[in-house]
Amino acid sequence: MKKYFVALSTAALVSVAPYALASSTDLTVTGVITPSACTPSLSKGGVVDNGKISAKDLDPVRDTLIGTYPLQLAVSCDGPTQFALKPIDRQAGTASMATWFGLGLTDAGEKLGGVRVDVKNALADGVAAHAIDSEDEGKTWKAAWVTRPGYLLSVGSTTDLSTPLFVKDLTMDFEVNTNIARADSLTLTDEVLMDGAVTFEMTYI
């Protein structure tokens, strides 16, 4: 295999040599090794159990909010660190609204509903802060009141929402709202499992 690879590479170089001599291109590799590490955690193990809901209790013509549960996100760092959390929807493509996280599909392939995660109070090293998010991988930031799939989530000061703070210890209150799609859009002849899952991934800025 090694000789075959070398021969193939040589043939390719010979065939493009007349053009390669006339121009060039550079590869630049950059990055930063941060001395600090951060650990995120969610209260209650990050589990929201809505129990069993009767199909008869669902609204036939509009989404039904079946539960609102508080959770607290905590992030602890070795030292002041500029970071963000990226929520990754493990049921991507199954939410009935684009700004929600998915709950999975019915056996008939219908979108069951979605989870909206509202952002409430935030404390950065004991000082009131405001949630901010970015839809362009950290180029720009704005005030946030809800967690959106794929958007970076961080905190800014209450007077500057354009830049993430350097924080050692962060707490942020979430309100997790579980919504089921309008009943007339769902096949509910058998039990349907709500199977929402979101991973909050640490990103260092």
N, C-alpha and C. Protein backbone atom coordinates (compact mmCIF):
# COMPACT_ATOMS: atom_id res chain seq x y z
N MET A 1 0.82 -1.20 0.00
CA MET A 1 0.00 0.00 0.00
C MET A 1 0.86 1.25 0.00
N LYS A 2 1.99 1.24 0.70
CA LYS A 2 2.82 2.42 0.78
C LYS A 2 3.43 2.76 -0.57
N LYS A 3 3.94 1.74 -1.30
CA LYS A 3 4.55 1.99 -2.61
C LYS A 3 3.50 2.50 -3.58
N TYR A 4 2.31 1.96 -3.52
CA TYR A 4 1.22 2.39 -4.40
C TYR A 4 0.89 3.85 -4.16
N PHE A 5 0.87 4.27 -2.91
CA PHE A 5 0.57 5.65 -2.56
C PHE A 5 1.64 6.59 -3.12
N VAL A 6 2.92 6.23 -2.97
CA VAL A 6 4.02 7.06 -3.46
C VAL A 6 3.96 7.18 -4.97
N ALA A 7 3.71 6.09 -5.64
CA ALA A 7 3.65 6.12 -7.10
C ALA A 7 2.51 7.00 -7.58
N LEU A 8 1.38 6.90 -6.93
CA LEU A 8 0.22 7.71 -7.30
C LEU A 8 0.51 9.18 -7.09
N SER A 9 1.15 9.52 -6.00
CA SER A 9 1.48 10.91 -5.71
C SER A 9 2.45 11.46 -6.74
N THR A 10 3.42 10.68 -7.11
CA THR A 10 4.41 11.12 -8.09
C THR A 10 3.76 11.39 -9.43
N ALA A 11 2.86 10.51 -9.86
CA ALA A 11 2.17 10.70 -11.13
C ALA A 11 1.37 11.99 -11.12
N ALA A 12 0.73 12.27 -9.99
CA ALA A 12 -0.06 13.50 -9.90
C ALA A 12 0.83 14.72 -9.96
N LEU A 13 2.00 14.67 -9.32
CA LEU A 13 2.90 15.81 -9.34
C LEU A 13 3.44 16.06 -10.73
N VAL A 14 3.74 15.01 -11.44
CA VAL A 14 4.26 15.17 -12.80
C VAL A 14 3.21 15.80 -13.69
N SER A 15 1.97 15.39 -13.54
CA SER A 15 0.92 15.88 -14.43
C SER A 15 0.59 17.34 -14.20
N VAL A 16 0.80 17.87 -12.99
CA VAL A 16 0.46 19.27 -12.72
C VAL A 16 1.68 20.16 -12.65
N ALA A 17 2.87 19.62 -12.79
CA ALA A 17 4.09 20.39 -12.62
C ALA A 17 4.15 21.64 -13.48
N PRO A 18 3.74 21.63 -14.76
CA PRO A 18 3.83 22.85 -15.57
C PRO A 18 3.01 24.00 -15.00
N TYR A 19 1.93 23.71 -14.27
CA TYR A 19 1.08 24.75 -13.71
C TYR A 19 1.51 25.12 -12.29
N ALA A 20 2.00 24.14 -11.54
CA ALA A 20 2.37 24.38 -10.15
C ALA A 20 3.54 25.34 -10.04
N LEU A 21 4.41 25.38 -11.02
CA LEU A 21 5.57 26.27 -10.96
C LEU A 21 5.17 27.73 -11.05
N ALA A 22 3.99 28.01 -11.61
CA ALA A 22 3.60 29.39 -11.86
C ALA A 22 2.89 30.03 -10.68
N SER A 23 2.48 29.26 -9.67
CA SER A 23 1.75 29.83 -8.54
C SER A 23 1.96 28.98 -7.31
N SER A 24 1.53 29.48 -6.16
CA SER A 24 1.65 28.74 -4.91
C SER A 24 0.52 29.12 -3.98
N THR A 25 0.34 28.33 -2.94
CA THR A 25 -0.66 28.64 -1.92
C THR A 25 -0.12 28.23 -0.57
N ASP A 26 -0.55 28.90 0.47
CA ASP A 26 -0.03 28.67 1.82
C ASP A 26 -1.08 28.05 2.71
N LEU A 27 -0.64 27.21 3.61
CA LEU A 27 -1.48 26.66 4.68
C LEU A 27 -1.01 27.27 5.99
N THR A 28 -1.92 27.92 6.70
CA THR A 28 -1.60 28.53 7.98
C THR A 28 -2.39 27.82 9.08
N VAL A 29 -1.70 27.38 10.10
CA VAL A 29 -2.33 26.68 11.22
C VAL A 29 -2.16 27.52 12.47
N THR A 30 -3.28 27.93 13.09
CA THR A 30 -3.22 28.76 14.29
C THR A 30 -4.07 28.13 15.39
N GLY A 31 -4.01 28.70 16.55
CA GLY A 31 -4.81 28.21 17.67
C GLY A 31 -4.24 28.74 18.97
N VAL A 32 -4.98 28.53 20.04
CA VAL A 32 -4.57 28.97 21.36
C VAL A 32 -4.82 27.84 22.35
N ILE A 33 -3.84 27.55 23.18
CA ILE A 33 -4.02 26.59 24.27
C ILE A 33 -4.35 27.38 25.52
N THR A 34 -5.54 27.19 26.04
CA THR A 34 -5.96 27.94 27.22
C THR A 34 -5.53 27.21 28.50
N PRO A 35 -5.02 27.96 29.48
CA PRO A 35 -4.59 27.32 30.72
C PRO A 35 -5.76 26.93 31.62
N SER A 36 -6.93 27.47 31.33
CA SER A 36 -8.09 27.21 32.17
C SER A 36 -9.01 26.18 31.53
N ALA A 37 -9.65 25.40 32.37
CA ALA A 37 -10.65 24.43 31.91
C ALA A 37 -11.94 24.68 32.67
N CYS A 38 -13.07 24.46 31.99
CA CYS A 38 -14.37 24.71 32.61
C CYS A 38 -15.22 23.44 32.58
N THR A 39 -16.03 23.28 33.61
CA THR A 39 -16.90 22.11 33.71
C THR A 39 -18.35 22.57 33.87
N PRO A 40 -19.23 22.22 32.91
CA PRO A 40 -20.64 22.57 33.04
C PRO A 40 -21.43 21.45 33.72
N SER A 41 -22.51 21.81 34.38
CA SER A 41 -23.40 20.81 34.97
C SER A 41 -24.81 21.38 35.03
N LEU A 42 -25.79 20.48 35.07
CA LEU A 42 -27.19 20.87 35.20
C LEU A 42 -27.77 20.26 36.46
N SER A 43 -28.61 21.03 37.15
CA SER A 43 -29.27 20.50 38.34
C SER A 43 -30.19 19.35 37.95
N LYS A 44 -30.51 18.51 38.94
CA LYS A 44 -31.39 17.35 38.75
C LYS A 44 -30.85 16.40 37.68
N GLY A 45 -29.54 16.45 37.46
CA GLY A 45 -28.95 15.58 36.45
C GLY A 45 -29.37 15.93 35.04
N GLY A 46 -29.99 17.10 34.88
CA GLY A 46 -30.43 17.52 33.56
C GLY A 46 -31.64 16.75 33.04
N VAL A 47 -32.38 16.10 33.95
CA VAL A 47 -33.51 15.26 33.53
C VAL A 47 -34.83 15.97 33.82
N VAL A 48 -35.69 16.06 32.81
CA VAL A 48 -37.05 16.56 32.97
C VAL A 48 -38.01 15.44 32.58
N ASP A 49 -38.77 14.96 33.55
CA ASP A 49 -39.70 13.84 33.32
C ASP A 49 -41.13 14.38 33.33
N ASN A 50 -41.78 14.36 32.18
CA ASN A 50 -43.14 14.87 32.08
C ASN A 50 -44.20 13.83 32.45
N GLY A 51 -43.76 12.61 32.76
CA GLY A 51 -44.71 11.57 33.12
C GLY A 51 -45.58 11.16 31.95
N LYS A 52 -46.75 10.57 32.25
CA LYS A 52 -47.68 10.14 31.20
C LYS A 52 -48.76 11.21 31.00
N ILE A 53 -49.00 11.53 29.75
CA ILE A 53 -50.01 12.52 29.39
C ILE A 53 -51.07 11.83 28.54
N SER A 54 -52.34 12.04 28.86
CA SER A 54 -53.42 11.45 28.07
C SER A 54 -53.58 12.20 26.76
N ALA A 55 -53.73 11.48 25.67
CA ALA A 55 -53.95 12.11 24.37
C ALA A 55 -55.21 12.97 24.38
N LYS A 56 -56.17 12.63 25.23
CA LYS A 56 -57.42 13.40 25.31
C LYS A 56 -57.20 14.79 25.89
N ASP A 57 -56.08 14.97 26.61
CA ASP A 57 -55.80 16.28 27.22
C ASP A 57 -55.06 17.23 26.27
N LEU A 58 -54.73 16.76 25.09
CA LEU A 58 -54.01 17.60 24.13
C LEU A 58 -54.98 18.43 23.30
N ASP A 59 -54.60 19.67 23.03
CA ASP A 59 -55.43 20.56 22.22
C ASP A 59 -55.42 20.06 20.77
N PRO A 60 -56.59 19.92 20.15
CA PRO A 60 -56.62 19.37 18.79
C PRO A 60 -56.12 20.34 17.72
N VAL A 61 -56.13 21.64 17.99
CA VAL A 61 -55.83 22.61 16.93
C VAL A 61 -54.65 23.52 17.22
N ARG A 62 -54.01 23.36 18.39
CA ARG A 62 -52.82 24.17 18.68
C ARG A 62 -51.89 23.39 19.61
N ASP A 63 -50.63 23.82 19.67
CA ASP A 63 -49.67 23.15 20.55
C ASP A 63 -50.14 23.19 22.00
N THR A 64 -49.82 22.14 22.74
CA THR A 64 -50.17 22.06 24.16
C THR A 64 -48.91 22.10 25.01
N LEU A 65 -48.84 23.08 25.91
CA LEU A 65 -47.74 23.13 26.88
C LEU A 65 -48.08 22.16 28.00
N ILE A 66 -47.29 21.10 28.13
CA ILE A 66 -47.63 20.07 29.12
C ILE A 66 -46.80 20.18 30.40
N GLY A 67 -45.77 21.02 30.38
CA GLY A 67 -44.97 21.14 31.59
C GLY A 67 -43.93 22.23 31.50
N THR A 68 -43.71 22.91 32.62
CA THR A 68 -42.66 23.93 32.74
C THR A 68 -41.83 23.59 33.96
N TYR A 69 -40.55 23.35 33.75
CA TYR A 69 -39.68 22.89 34.84
C TYR A 69 -38.43 23.76 34.94
N PRO A 70 -38.07 24.16 36.17
CA PRO A 70 -36.84 24.93 36.36
C PRO A 70 -35.62 24.02 36.46
N LEU A 71 -34.54 24.44 35.84
CA LEU A 71 -33.24 23.79 35.98
C LEU A 71 -32.19 24.88 36.12
N GLN A 72 -31.08 24.57 36.76
CA GLN A 72 -30.00 25.53 36.84
C GLN A 72 -28.75 24.98 36.18
N LEU A 73 -28.20 25.80 35.30
CA LEU A 73 -26.92 25.48 34.67
C LEU A 73 -25.81 26.11 35.50
N ALA A 74 -24.78 25.35 35.81
CA ALA A 74 -23.61 25.88 36.53
C ALA A 74 -22.36 25.55 35.73
N VAL A 75 -21.47 26.53 35.64
CA VAL A 75 -20.18 26.33 34.98
C VAL A 75 -19.09 26.76 35.95
N SER A 76 -18.16 25.87 36.21
CA SER A 76 -17.04 26.17 37.11
C SER A 76 -15.73 26.06 36.33
N CYS A 77 -14.93 27.13 36.38
CA CYS A 77 -13.66 27.17 35.65
C CYS A 77 -12.49 27.27 36.63
N ASP A 78 -11.31 26.88 36.18
CA ASP A 78 -10.11 26.98 37.02
C ASP A 78 -9.75 28.43 37.31
N GLY A 79 -10.09 29.31 36.39
CA GLY A 79 -9.81 30.74 36.53
C GLY A 79 -10.73 31.51 35.61
N PRO A 80 -10.70 32.85 35.65
CA PRO A 80 -11.55 33.64 34.76
C PRO A 80 -11.33 33.25 33.30
N THR A 81 -12.41 32.86 32.64
CA THR A 81 -12.32 32.33 31.28
C THR A 81 -13.46 32.89 30.44
N GLN A 82 -13.15 33.19 29.19
CA GLN A 82 -14.18 33.63 28.24
C GLN A 82 -14.66 32.39 27.48
N PHE A 83 -15.91 32.03 27.68
CA PHE A 83 -16.41 30.78 27.11
C PHE A 83 -17.85 30.94 26.65
N ALA A 84 -18.31 29.95 25.94
CA ALA A 84 -19.72 29.87 25.55
C ALA A 84 -20.13 28.41 25.57
N LEU A 85 -21.42 28.19 25.57
CA LEU A 85 -21.98 26.84 25.49
C LEU A 85 -22.76 26.73 24.19
N LYS A 86 -22.55 25.63 23.48
CA LYS A 86 -23.27 25.40 22.23
C LYS A 86 -24.25 24.26 22.43
N PRO A 87 -25.56 24.56 22.41
CA PRO A 87 -26.55 23.49 22.57
C PRO A 87 -26.72 22.70 21.28
N ILE A 88 -26.50 21.40 21.37
CA ILE A 88 -26.62 20.52 20.21
C ILE A 88 -27.85 19.65 20.38
N ASP A 89 -28.79 19.76 19.45
CA ASP A 89 -30.04 19.01 19.52
C ASP A 89 -29.82 17.58 19.03
N ARG A 90 -29.93 16.61 19.94
CA ARG A 90 -29.75 15.22 19.56
C ARG A 90 -30.96 14.65 18.82
N GLN A 91 -32.03 15.44 18.75
CA GLN A 91 -33.20 15.05 17.96
C GLN A 91 -33.45 16.10 16.88
N ALA A 92 -32.36 16.59 16.30
CA ALA A 92 -32.46 17.64 15.28
C ALA A 92 -33.37 17.21 14.14
N GLY A 93 -34.19 18.17 13.70
CA GLY A 93 -35.10 17.89 12.59
C GLY A 93 -36.45 17.36 13.01
N THR A 94 -36.66 17.17 14.33
CA THR A 94 -37.94 16.62 14.78
C THR A 94 -38.80 17.64 15.52
N ALA A 95 -38.30 18.85 15.73
CA ALA A 95 -39.07 19.87 16.45
C ALA A 95 -40.13 20.48 15.54
N SER A 96 -41.27 20.81 16.11
CA SER A 96 -42.35 21.40 15.32
C SER A 96 -42.14 22.89 15.08
N MET A 97 -41.16 23.49 15.78
CA MET A 97 -40.76 24.88 15.53
C MET A 97 -39.24 24.95 15.47
N ALA A 98 -38.71 25.80 14.58
CA ALA A 98 -37.27 25.85 14.33
C ALA A 98 -36.47 26.28 15.55
N THR A 99 -37.06 27.07 16.44
CA THR A 99 -36.34 27.58 17.61
C THR A 99 -36.41 26.62 18.80
N TRP A 100 -37.09 25.49 18.64
CA TRP A 100 -37.22 24.51 19.71
C TRP A 100 -36.26 23.35 19.49
N PHE A 101 -36.08 22.57 20.54
CA PHE A 101 -35.35 21.32 20.44
C PHE A 101 -36.36 20.18 20.25
N GLY A 102 -35.96 19.16 19.50
CA GLY A 102 -36.89 18.11 19.13
C GLY A 102 -37.24 17.15 20.25
N LEU A 103 -38.41 16.53 20.10
CA LEU A 103 -38.88 15.50 21.04
C LEU A 103 -38.94 14.13 20.39
N GLY A 104 -38.52 14.05 19.13
CA GLY A 104 -38.62 12.79 18.40
C GLY A 104 -39.85 12.76 17.50
N LEU A 105 -40.07 11.61 16.89
CA LEU A 105 -41.17 11.42 15.95
C LEU A 105 -42.13 10.36 16.45
N THR A 106 -43.38 10.44 16.00
CA THR A 106 -44.33 9.36 16.25
C THR A 106 -43.96 8.18 15.35
N ASP A 107 -44.61 7.04 15.56
CA ASP A 107 -44.36 5.87 14.71
C ASP A 107 -44.72 6.16 13.26
N ALA A 108 -45.58 7.16 13.05
CA ALA A 108 -45.98 7.53 11.70
C ALA A 108 -45.05 8.57 11.08
N GLY A 109 -43.98 8.94 11.82
CA GLY A 109 -43.01 9.90 11.30
C GLY A 109 -43.40 11.35 11.49
N GLU A 110 -44.34 11.63 12.38
CA GLU A 110 -44.79 13.01 12.61
C GLU A 110 -43.98 13.65 13.74
N LYS A 111 -43.72 14.95 13.62
CA LYS A 111 -42.97 15.68 14.65
C LYS A 111 -43.84 15.81 15.90
N LEU A 112 -43.34 15.27 17.00
CA LEU A 112 -44.14 15.17 18.22
C LEU A 112 -44.37 16.53 18.88
N GLY A 113 -43.44 17.43 18.75
CA GLY A 113 -43.55 18.75 19.39
C GLY A 113 -42.18 19.36 19.54
N GLY A 114 -41.89 19.88 20.72
CA GLY A 114 -40.58 20.46 20.93
C GLY A 114 -40.40 20.99 22.34
N VAL A 115 -39.16 21.32 22.65
CA VAL A 115 -38.80 21.85 23.96
C VAL A 115 -38.21 23.25 23.78
N ARG A 116 -38.79 24.22 24.47
CA ARG A 116 -38.25 25.58 24.48
C ARG A 116 -37.56 25.80 25.81
N VAL A 117 -36.30 26.20 25.76
CA VAL A 117 -35.53 26.44 26.98
C VAL A 117 -35.33 27.94 27.15
N ASP A 118 -36.09 28.53 28.07
CA ASP A 118 -35.97 29.96 28.35
C ASP A 118 -34.81 30.20 29.30
N VAL A 119 -34.14 31.33 29.12
CA VAL A 119 -33.02 31.70 29.98
C VAL A 119 -33.50 32.78 30.94
N LYS A 120 -33.31 32.55 32.22
CA LYS A 120 -33.75 33.50 33.24
C LYS A 120 -32.54 34.19 33.87
N ASN A 121 -32.45 34.19 35.18
CA ASN A 121 -31.39 34.91 35.89
C ASN A 121 -30.02 34.29 35.62
N ALA A 122 -29.00 35.16 35.57
CA ALA A 122 -27.62 34.70 35.42
C ALA A 122 -26.73 35.45 36.40
N LEU A 123 -25.82 34.72 37.04
CA LEU A 123 -24.84 35.31 37.96
C LEU A 123 -23.45 34.91 37.51
N ALA A 124 -22.61 35.91 37.27
CA ALA A 124 -21.23 35.68 36.87
C ALA A 124 -20.33 36.10 38.03
N ASP A 125 -19.74 35.11 38.70
CA ASP A 125 -18.92 35.36 39.89
C ASP A 125 -19.68 36.19 40.92
N GLY A 126 -20.97 35.84 41.08
CA GLY A 126 -21.80 36.47 42.09
C GLY A 126 -22.42 37.79 41.69
N VAL A 127 -22.15 38.26 40.47
CA VAL A 127 -22.67 39.54 40.00
C VAL A 127 -23.71 39.29 38.90
N ALA A 128 -24.81 40.04 38.95
CA ALA A 128 -25.86 39.87 37.95
C ALA A 128 -25.30 40.09 36.55
N ALA A 129 -25.66 39.19 35.64
CA ALA A 129 -25.23 39.28 34.25
C ALA A 129 -26.44 39.01 33.36
N HIS A 130 -26.25 39.13 32.05
CA HIS A 130 -27.36 38.89 31.12
C HIS A 130 -26.92 37.87 30.08
N ALA A 131 -27.79 36.93 29.80
CA ALA A 131 -27.49 35.94 28.76
C ALA A 131 -27.37 36.62 27.40
N ILE A 132 -26.40 36.18 26.62
CA ILE A 132 -26.23 36.65 25.25
C ILE A 132 -26.01 35.43 24.35
N ASP A 133 -26.35 35.58 23.07
CA ASP A 133 -26.10 34.47 22.16
C ASP A 133 -25.55 34.97 20.83
N SER A 134 -25.02 34.02 20.08
CA SER A 134 -24.41 34.33 18.78
C SER A 134 -24.83 33.28 17.78
N GLU A 135 -25.32 33.72 16.63
CA GLU A 135 -25.70 32.79 15.57
C GLU A 135 -24.61 32.66 14.51
N ASP A 136 -23.48 33.40 14.67
CA ASP A 136 -22.41 33.38 13.67
C ASP A 136 -21.08 32.94 14.28
N GLU A 137 -21.16 31.96 15.19
CA GLU A 137 -19.96 31.36 15.81
C GLU A 137 -19.10 32.37 16.56
N GLY A 138 -19.75 33.36 17.18
CA GLY A 138 -19.03 34.27 18.06
C GLY A 138 -18.58 35.58 17.45
N LYS A 139 -18.93 35.82 16.19
CA LYS A 139 -18.53 37.10 15.57
C LYS A 139 -19.32 38.26 16.17
N THR A 140 -20.61 38.07 16.36
CA THR A 140 -21.45 39.10 16.97
C THR A 140 -22.33 38.46 18.04
N TRP A 141 -22.71 39.29 19.04
CA TRP A 141 -23.50 38.82 20.17
C TRP A 141 -24.67 39.76 20.41
N LYS A 142 -25.75 39.21 20.96
CA LYS A 142 -26.92 40.01 21.30
C LYS A 142 -27.61 39.40 22.53
N ALA A 143 -28.50 40.18 23.13
CA ALA A 143 -29.23 39.71 24.31
C ALA A 143 -30.03 38.47 23.97
N ALA A 144 -30.10 37.54 24.93
CA ALA A 144 -30.83 36.29 24.71
C ALA A 144 -31.78 36.03 25.87
N TRP A 145 -32.96 35.54 25.53
CA TRP A 145 -33.94 35.13 26.53
C TRP A 145 -34.35 33.68 26.35
N VAL A 146 -33.85 33.06 25.30
CA VAL A 146 -34.18 31.67 25.01
C VAL A 146 -32.94 31.01 24.40
N THR A 147 -32.77 29.72 24.66
CA THR A 147 -31.65 28.97 24.10
C THR A 147 -32.07 28.38 22.76
N ARG A 148 -31.28 28.64 21.74
CA ARG A 148 -31.63 28.17 20.39
C ARG A 148 -30.65 27.10 19.93
N PRO A 149 -31.13 26.09 19.23
CA PRO A 149 -30.24 25.04 18.73
C PRO A 149 -29.11 25.62 17.87
N GLY A 150 -27.88 25.27 18.23
CA GLY A 150 -26.73 25.69 17.44
C GLY A 150 -26.19 27.07 17.73
N TYR A 151 -26.94 27.91 18.46
CA TYR A 151 -26.47 29.24 18.81
C TYR A 151 -25.52 29.15 20.01
N LEU A 152 -24.41 29.87 19.97
CA LEU A 152 -23.54 29.95 21.14
C LEU A 152 -24.23 30.75 22.23
N LEU A 153 -24.14 30.27 23.46
CA LEU A 153 -24.76 30.93 24.61
C LEU A 153 -23.69 31.32 25.61
N SER A 154 -23.69 32.59 26.03
CA SER A 154 -22.72 33.06 27.01
C SER A 154 -23.40 34.13 27.87
N VAL A 155 -22.60 34.91 28.59
CA VAL A 155 -23.15 36.01 29.38
C VAL A 155 -22.31 37.27 29.15
N GLY A 156 -23.02 38.40 29.15
CA GLY A 156 -22.36 39.70 29.10
C GLY A 156 -22.75 40.49 30.33
N SER A 157 -22.11 41.62 30.52
CA SER A 157 -22.49 42.48 31.64
C SER A 157 -23.84 43.11 31.33
N THR A 158 -24.51 43.61 32.34
CA THR A 158 -25.84 44.21 32.13
C THR A 158 -25.75 45.51 31.35
N THR A 159 -24.55 46.05 31.19
CA THR A 159 -24.37 47.30 30.44
C THR A 159 -23.69 47.09 29.09
N ASP A 160 -23.22 45.88 28.81
CA ASP A 160 -22.57 45.58 27.54
C ASP A 160 -22.91 44.16 27.12
N LEU A 161 -23.82 44.06 26.15
CA LEU A 161 -24.28 42.75 25.70
C LEU A 161 -23.56 42.30 24.43
N SER A 162 -22.50 43.00 24.06
CA SER A 162 -21.81 42.70 22.80
C SER A 162 -20.57 41.83 22.97
N THR A 163 -20.17 41.59 24.23
CA THR A 163 -18.93 40.85 24.48
C THR A 163 -19.11 39.88 25.65
N PRO A 164 -18.77 38.61 25.47
CA PRO A 164 -18.84 37.66 26.59
C PRO A 164 -17.86 38.04 27.70
N LEU A 165 -18.29 37.86 28.93
CA LEU A 165 -17.45 38.15 30.09
C LEU A 165 -16.43 37.03 30.32
N PHE A 166 -15.34 37.38 30.98
CA PHE A 166 -14.43 36.38 31.55
C PHE A 166 -15.02 35.99 32.90
N VAL A 167 -15.30 34.72 33.09
CA VAL A 167 -16.02 34.26 34.28
C VAL A 167 -15.33 33.02 34.85
N LYS A 168 -15.29 32.96 36.17
CA LYS A 168 -14.80 31.74 36.84
C LYS A 168 -15.95 30.83 37.22
N ASP A 169 -16.99 31.40 37.83
CA ASP A 169 -18.15 30.61 38.25
C ASP A 169 -19.43 31.27 37.74
N LEU A 170 -20.19 30.50 36.97
CA LEU A 170 -21.42 31.01 36.38
C LEU A 170 -22.60 30.15 36.80
N THR A 171 -23.72 30.80 37.11
CA THR A 171 -24.98 30.08 37.26
C THR A 171 -26.02 30.76 36.37
N MET A 172 -26.85 29.95 35.76
CA MET A 172 -27.88 30.47 34.86
C MET A 172 -29.14 29.64 35.05
N ASP A 173 -30.25 30.30 35.28
CA ASP A 173 -31.51 29.60 35.50
C ASP A 173 -32.21 29.35 34.16
N PHE A 174 -32.60 28.10 33.94
CA PHE A 174 -33.35 27.71 32.76
C PHE A 174 -34.79 27.41 33.14
N GLU A 175 -35.69 27.64 32.21
CA GLU A 175 -37.08 27.20 32.34
C GLU A 175 -37.36 26.31 31.13
N VAL A 176 -37.58 25.04 31.39
CA VAL A 176 -37.74 24.06 30.32
C VAL A 176 -39.23 23.84 30.06
N ASN A 177 -39.67 24.19 28.87
CA ASN A 177 -41.08 24.11 28.50
C ASN A 177 -41.27 23.01 27.44
N THR A 178 -42.06 22.00 27.79
CA THR A 178 -42.32 20.89 26.87
C THR A 178 -43.65 21.11 26.17
N ASN A 179 -43.61 21.13 24.85
CA ASN A 179 -44.81 21.38 24.05
C ASN A 179 -45.09 20.19 23.12
N ILE A 180 -46.35 19.80 23.06
CA ILE A 180 -46.77 18.74 22.15
C ILE A 180 -47.54 19.38 20.99
N ALA A 181 -47.25 18.94 19.78
CA ALA A 181 -47.90 19.50 18.60
C ALA A 181 -49.41 19.28 18.64
N ARG A 182 -50.13 20.06 17.85
CA ARG A 182 -51.60 19.95 17.81
C ARG A 182 -51.99 18.50 17.57
N ALA A 183 -52.96 18.05 18.33
CA ALA A 183 -53.31 16.62 18.33
C ALA A 183 -53.81 16.14 16.97
N ASP A 184 -54.46 17.04 16.20
CA ASP A 184 -54.98 16.59 14.91
C ASP A 184 -53.89 16.37 13.87
N SER A 185 -52.61 16.66 14.25
CA SER A 185 -51.50 16.41 13.33
C SER A 185 -50.72 15.15 13.72
N LEU A 186 -51.18 14.47 14.78
CA LEU A 186 -50.44 13.33 15.31
C LEU A 186 -51.26 12.04 15.26
N THR A 187 -50.57 10.93 15.04
CA THR A 187 -51.18 9.61 15.14
C THR A 187 -50.92 9.08 16.55
N LEU A 188 -51.97 9.04 17.37
CA LEU A 188 -51.81 8.71 18.79
C LEU A 188 -52.60 7.47 19.18
N THR A 189 -52.61 6.49 18.31
CA THR A 189 -53.33 5.25 18.60
C THR A 189 -52.57 4.36 19.57
N ASP A 190 -51.24 4.56 19.67
CA ASP A 190 -50.41 3.82 20.62
C ASP A 190 -49.61 4.81 21.46
N GLU A 191 -48.98 4.31 22.53
CA GLU A 191 -48.15 5.18 23.34
C GLU A 191 -46.98 5.72 22.53
N VAL A 192 -46.68 7.00 22.73
CA VAL A 192 -45.58 7.65 22.02
C VAL A 192 -44.58 8.17 23.05
N LEU A 193 -43.32 7.85 22.87
CA LEU A 193 -42.27 8.25 23.81
C LEU A 193 -41.76 9.65 23.48
N MET A 194 -41.74 10.52 24.50
CA MET A 194 -41.05 11.81 24.36
C MET A 194 -39.56 11.56 24.58
N ASP A 195 -38.75 11.93 23.62
CA ASP A 195 -37.35 11.54 23.67
C ASP A 195 -36.44 12.72 23.31
N GLY A 196 -36.60 13.82 24.03
CA GLY A 196 -35.76 14.99 23.79
C GLY A 196 -34.39 14.84 24.43
N ALA A 197 -33.36 15.33 23.76
CA ALA A 197 -32.00 15.25 24.29
C ALA A 197 -31.17 16.40 23.72
N VAL A 198 -30.56 17.17 24.62
CA VAL A 198 -29.73 18.31 24.21
C VAL A 198 -28.39 18.21 24.93
N THR A 199 -27.32 18.39 24.21
CA THR A 199 -25.98 18.42 24.79
C THR A 199 -25.46 19.85 24.75
N PHE A 200 -25.00 20.35 25.90
CA PHE A 200 -24.40 21.68 25.97
C PHE A 200 -22.88 21.52 25.92
N GLU A 201 -22.31 21.93 24.81
CA GLU A 201 -20.89 21.73 24.55
C GLU A 201 -20.09 22.98 24.88
N MET A 202 -19.03 22.83 25.68
CA MET A 202 -18.18 23.96 26.05
C MET A 202 -17.37 24.42 24.84
N THR A 203 -17.32 25.75 24.67
CA THR A 203 -16.51 26.36 23.62
C THR A 203 -15.72 27.50 24.24
N TYR A 204 -14.42 27.50 24.04
CA TYR A 204 -13.57 28.56 24.58
C TYR A 204 -13.37 29.63 23.52
N ILE A 205 -13.55 30.87 23.91
CA ILE A 205 -13.53 31.98 22.95
C ILE A 205 -12.14 32.63 22.93
